[in-house]
Amino acid sequence: MSIKRWREGHWTKRDWLRFWLHFPVGIITILACQLGWVYGLIFAFGFLVYELNEDMHLTDQAFKDILGWLWGMAFTIIGLLLLLSFFGGSDLT
């Protein structure tokens, strides 16, 4: 499915459900990074291996799941940066 078709709304309700089911996985990935970068890396690697393996065997367009995961990570990173900029001082590490 092309980006053009995605923007035109050709995702089914099931596609959107898959997107939103994987959104929290992205949040968990970033929160795991807060515990230590190794935890986030292991979690992200495991998720990607799982999704690619699932797509290889089921051909279920895993990019929809991965897209939800990436948006969850982006949302969390932006939220954490905003929180840190307002409440955490100048140290963003």
N, C-alpha and C. Protein backbone atom coordinates (compact mmCIF):
# COMPACT_ATOMS: atom_id res chain seq x y z
N MET A 1 0.84 -1.17 0.00
CA MET A 1 0.00 0.00 0.00
C MET A 1 0.89 1.24 0.00
N SER A 2 0.59 2.15 -0.87
CA SER A 2 1.41 3.35 -0.99
C SER A 2 0.99 4.40 0.05
N ILE A 3 1.87 5.37 0.24
CA ILE A 3 1.58 6.47 1.16
C ILE A 3 0.33 7.23 0.69
N LYS A 4 0.19 7.39 -0.63
CA LYS A 4 -0.97 8.11 -1.17
C LYS A 4 -2.27 7.41 -0.77
N ARG A 5 -2.31 6.09 -0.93
CA ARG A 5 -3.52 5.36 -0.56
C ARG A 5 -3.77 5.43 0.94
N TRP A 6 -2.68 5.44 1.73
CA TRP A 6 -2.84 5.52 3.18
C TRP A 6 -3.45 6.86 3.57
N ARG A 7 -2.98 7.94 2.93
CA ARG A 7 -3.52 9.27 3.24
C ARG A 7 -4.96 9.41 2.79
N GLU A 8 -5.34 8.68 1.75
CA GLU A 8 -6.70 8.78 1.25
C GLU A 8 -7.68 7.98 2.10
N GLY A 9 -7.20 7.29 3.11
CA GLY A 9 -8.10 6.59 4.03
C GLY A 9 -8.46 5.18 3.62
N HIS A 10 -7.57 4.49 2.92
CA HIS A 10 -7.87 3.14 2.49
C HIS A 10 -7.43 2.09 3.51
N TRP A 11 -7.28 2.49 4.72
CA TRP A 11 -6.99 1.52 5.78
C TRP A 11 -8.33 1.03 6.32
N THR A 12 -8.41 -0.24 6.58
CA THR A 12 -9.64 -0.79 7.14
C THR A 12 -9.67 -0.55 8.65
N LYS A 13 -10.80 -0.82 9.26
CA LYS A 13 -10.90 -0.69 10.71
C LYS A 13 -9.91 -1.63 11.40
N ARG A 14 -9.73 -2.81 10.81
CA ARG A 14 -8.77 -3.77 11.38
C ARG A 14 -7.34 -3.22 11.30
N ASP A 15 -7.00 -2.54 10.21
CA ASP A 15 -5.68 -1.93 10.08
C ASP A 15 -5.45 -0.88 11.17
N TRP A 16 -6.46 -0.04 11.41
CA TRP A 16 -6.34 0.98 12.44
C TRP A 16 -6.26 0.35 13.83
N LEU A 17 -6.99 -0.73 14.03
CA LEU A 17 -6.91 -1.43 15.31
C LEU A 17 -5.50 -1.95 15.54
N ARG A 18 -4.91 -2.54 14.52
CA ARG A 18 -3.53 -3.02 14.63
C ARG A 18 -2.57 -1.88 14.93
N PHE A 19 -2.79 -0.74 14.27
CA PHE A 19 -1.95 0.43 14.52
C PHE A 19 -2.02 0.82 15.99
N TRP A 20 -3.24 0.97 16.52
CA TRP A 20 -3.41 1.43 17.90
C TRP A 20 -3.03 0.37 18.92
N LEU A 21 -3.09 -0.90 18.56
CA LEU A 21 -2.63 -1.95 19.48
C LEU A 21 -1.11 -1.93 19.65
N HIS A 22 -0.41 -1.49 18.63
CA HIS A 22 1.05 -1.46 18.69
C HIS A 22 1.61 -0.12 19.15
N PHE A 23 0.76 0.89 19.22
CA PHE A 23 1.17 2.20 19.71
C PHE A 23 1.73 2.10 21.14
N PRO A 24 1.05 1.41 22.08
CA PRO A 24 1.60 1.28 23.44
C PRO A 24 2.93 0.52 23.49
N VAL A 25 3.18 -0.35 22.52
CA VAL A 25 4.45 -1.06 22.49
C VAL A 25 5.59 -0.07 22.26
N GLY A 26 5.34 0.96 21.44
CA GLY A 26 6.33 2.01 21.24
C GLY A 26 6.57 2.80 22.52
N ILE A 27 5.50 3.06 23.26
CA ILE A 27 5.64 3.75 24.54
C ILE A 27 6.48 2.92 25.50
N ILE A 28 6.21 1.63 25.57
CA ILE A 28 6.96 0.73 26.45
C ILE A 28 8.43 0.68 26.05
N THR A 29 8.70 0.72 24.75
CA THR A 29 10.08 0.70 24.28
C THR A 29 10.86 1.89 24.81
N ILE A 30 10.27 3.07 24.72
CA ILE A 30 10.96 4.27 25.19
C ILE A 30 11.08 4.26 26.70
N LEU A 31 10.07 3.79 27.40
CA LEU A 31 10.16 3.70 28.85
C LEU A 31 11.24 2.69 29.27
N ALA A 32 11.39 1.63 28.49
CA ALA A 32 12.47 0.67 28.77
C ALA A 32 13.82 1.33 28.57
N CYS A 33 13.92 2.23 27.60
CA CYS A 33 15.18 2.98 27.40
C CYS A 33 15.50 3.85 28.59
N GLN A 34 14.48 4.31 29.30
CA GLN A 34 14.70 5.14 30.49
C GLN A 34 15.34 4.32 31.60
N LEU A 35 15.08 3.03 31.62
CA LEU A 35 15.72 2.15 32.61
C LEU A 35 17.19 1.91 32.25
N GLY A 36 17.46 1.86 30.97
CA GLY A 36 18.81 1.64 30.46
C GLY A 36 18.71 1.39 28.97
N TRP A 37 19.65 1.93 28.21
CA TRP A 37 19.57 1.81 26.75
C TRP A 37 19.57 0.36 26.30
N VAL A 38 20.21 -0.51 27.07
CA VAL A 38 20.26 -1.93 26.70
C VAL A 38 18.85 -2.54 26.71
N TYR A 39 18.05 -2.18 27.72
CA TYR A 39 16.69 -2.72 27.81
C TYR A 39 15.85 -2.28 26.61
N GLY A 40 15.96 -1.01 26.26
CA GLY A 40 15.22 -0.52 25.10
C GLY A 40 15.67 -1.18 23.81
N LEU A 41 16.97 -1.37 23.68
CA LEU A 41 17.52 -2.00 22.49
C LEU A 41 17.07 -3.46 22.37
N ILE A 42 17.11 -4.18 23.47
CA ILE A 42 16.68 -5.58 23.48
C ILE A 42 15.19 -5.67 23.16
N PHE A 43 14.40 -4.80 23.77
CA PHE A 43 12.96 -4.80 23.53
C PHE A 43 12.65 -4.49 22.07
N ALA A 44 13.31 -3.45 21.52
CA ALA A 44 13.08 -3.06 20.13
C ALA A 44 13.52 -4.16 19.17
N PHE A 45 14.67 -4.75 19.42
CA PHE A 45 15.16 -5.83 18.57
C PHE A 45 14.21 -7.02 18.59
N GLY A 46 13.78 -7.38 19.79
CA GLY A 46 12.84 -8.50 19.91
C GLY A 46 11.53 -8.23 19.18
N PHE A 47 11.03 -7.02 19.30
CA PHE A 47 9.78 -6.66 18.62
C PHE A 47 9.94 -6.74 17.11
N LEU A 48 11.03 -6.18 16.59
CA LEU A 48 11.24 -6.19 15.14
C LEU A 48 11.43 -7.60 14.60
N VAL A 49 12.18 -8.43 15.33
CA VAL A 49 12.36 -9.83 14.90
C VAL A 49 11.02 -10.54 14.88
N TYR A 50 10.23 -10.34 15.92
CA TYR A 50 8.90 -10.95 15.98
C TYR A 50 8.03 -10.51 14.80
N GLU A 51 7.98 -9.22 14.55
CA GLU A 51 7.12 -8.71 13.48
C GLU A 51 7.58 -9.18 12.10
N LEU A 52 8.87 -9.14 11.85
CA LEU A 52 9.37 -9.58 10.55
C LEU A 52 9.18 -11.07 10.35
N ASN A 53 9.36 -11.85 11.41
CA ASN A 53 9.11 -13.29 11.33
C ASN A 53 7.63 -13.57 11.08
N GLU A 54 6.77 -12.84 11.76
CA GLU A 54 5.33 -13.00 11.56
C GLU A 54 4.96 -12.65 10.12
N ASP A 55 5.52 -11.58 9.60
CA ASP A 55 5.21 -11.17 8.23
C ASP A 55 5.73 -12.18 7.22
N MET A 56 6.88 -12.77 7.52
CA MET A 56 7.46 -13.75 6.61
C MET A 56 6.57 -15.00 6.52
N HIS A 57 5.96 -15.38 7.63
CA HIS A 57 5.14 -16.59 7.64
C HIS A 57 3.67 -16.33 7.32
N LEU A 58 3.16 -15.17 7.72
CA LEU A 58 1.74 -14.89 7.51
C LEU A 58 1.48 -13.88 6.40
N THR A 59 2.51 -13.18 5.98
CA THR A 59 2.40 -12.06 5.03
C THR A 59 1.21 -11.16 5.38
N ASP A 60 1.24 -10.65 6.61
CA ASP A 60 0.12 -9.85 7.13
C ASP A 60 0.41 -8.35 7.15
N GLN A 61 1.34 -7.91 6.32
CA GLN A 61 1.69 -6.49 6.23
C GLN A 61 2.11 -5.94 7.60
N ALA A 62 3.21 -6.47 8.09
CA ALA A 62 3.72 -6.09 9.41
C ALA A 62 4.09 -4.62 9.49
N PHE A 63 4.25 -3.95 8.35
CA PHE A 63 4.60 -2.53 8.40
C PHE A 63 3.53 -1.72 9.12
N LYS A 64 2.29 -2.19 9.12
CA LYS A 64 1.23 -1.48 9.84
C LYS A 64 1.46 -1.55 11.34
N ASP A 65 1.90 -2.70 11.81
CA ASP A 65 2.21 -2.86 13.23
C ASP A 65 3.44 -2.03 13.59
N ILE A 66 4.44 -2.08 12.73
CA ILE A 66 5.68 -1.35 12.99
C ILE A 66 5.43 0.15 12.94
N LEU A 67 4.54 0.60 12.06
CA LEU A 67 4.20 2.01 11.99
C LEU A 67 3.56 2.48 13.29
N GLY A 68 2.65 1.70 13.84
CA GLY A 68 2.04 2.04 15.13
C GLY A 68 3.08 2.10 16.23
N TRP A 69 4.03 1.17 16.22
CA TRP A 69 5.11 1.13 17.20
C TRP A 69 5.98 2.39 17.09
N LEU A 70 6.34 2.76 15.86
CA LEU A 70 7.17 3.95 15.65
C LEU A 70 6.45 5.23 16.09
N TRP A 71 5.16 5.33 15.79
CA TRP A 71 4.40 6.51 16.22
C TRP A 71 4.30 6.55 17.75
N GLY A 72 4.17 5.39 18.38
CA GLY A 72 4.16 5.35 19.84
C GLY A 72 5.47 5.83 20.42
N MET A 73 6.58 5.42 19.80
CA MET A 73 7.88 5.88 20.26
C MET A 73 8.03 7.39 20.05
N ALA A 74 7.63 7.88 18.89
CA ALA A 74 7.75 9.31 18.60
C ALA A 74 6.92 10.14 19.57
N PHE A 75 5.70 9.71 19.81
CA PHE A 75 4.81 10.40 20.75
C PHE A 75 5.43 10.46 22.14
N THR A 76 6.02 9.36 22.59
CA THR A 76 6.62 9.29 23.91
C THR A 76 7.87 10.16 24.00
N ILE A 77 8.70 10.12 22.97
CA ILE A 77 9.91 10.95 22.97
C ILE A 77 9.54 12.43 23.02
N ILE A 78 8.58 12.84 22.21
CA ILE A 78 8.16 14.24 22.23
C ILE A 78 7.58 14.61 23.59
N GLY A 79 6.76 13.72 24.15
CA GLY A 79 6.19 13.98 25.47
C GLY A 79 7.26 14.10 26.55
N LEU A 80 8.24 13.21 26.53
CA LEU A 80 9.31 13.26 27.52
C LEU A 80 10.16 14.52 27.36
N LEU A 81 10.45 14.89 26.13
CA LEU A 81 11.22 16.12 25.90
C LEU A 81 10.46 17.35 26.38
N LEU A 82 9.16 17.38 26.16
CA LEU A 82 8.37 18.51 26.64
C LEU A 82 8.35 18.54 28.17
N LEU A 83 8.15 17.38 28.78
CA LEU A 83 8.16 17.32 30.25
C LEU A 83 9.50 17.76 30.81
N LEU A 84 10.57 17.27 30.21
CA LEU A 84 11.90 17.63 30.69
C LEU A 84 12.20 19.11 30.48
N SER A 85 11.72 19.66 29.38
CA SER A 85 12.01 21.07 29.12
C SER A 85 11.25 21.98 30.09
N PHE A 86 10.06 21.55 30.51
CA PHE A 86 9.30 22.36 31.45
C PHE A 86 9.65 22.10 32.90
N PHE A 87 9.96 20.85 33.24
CA PHE A 87 10.14 20.49 34.64
C PHE A 87 11.51 19.95 34.99
N GLY A 88 12.31 19.59 33.99
CA GLY A 88 13.54 18.90 34.27
C GLY A 88 14.82 19.70 34.18
N GLY A 89 14.72 20.97 33.92
CA GLY A 89 15.93 21.76 33.79
C GLY A 89 16.54 21.60 32.40
N SER A 90 17.83 21.83 32.32
CA SER A 90 18.50 21.84 31.01
C SER A 90 19.15 20.51 30.66
N ASP A 91 19.22 19.57 31.58
CA ASP A 91 19.87 18.29 31.33
C ASP A 91 18.86 17.31 30.74
N LEU A 92 18.96 17.01 29.44
CA LEU A 92 17.99 16.14 28.77
C LEU A 92 18.48 14.71 28.66
N THR A 93 19.41 14.29 29.50
CA THR A 93 19.90 12.91 29.43
C THR A 93 19.19 12.04 30.41
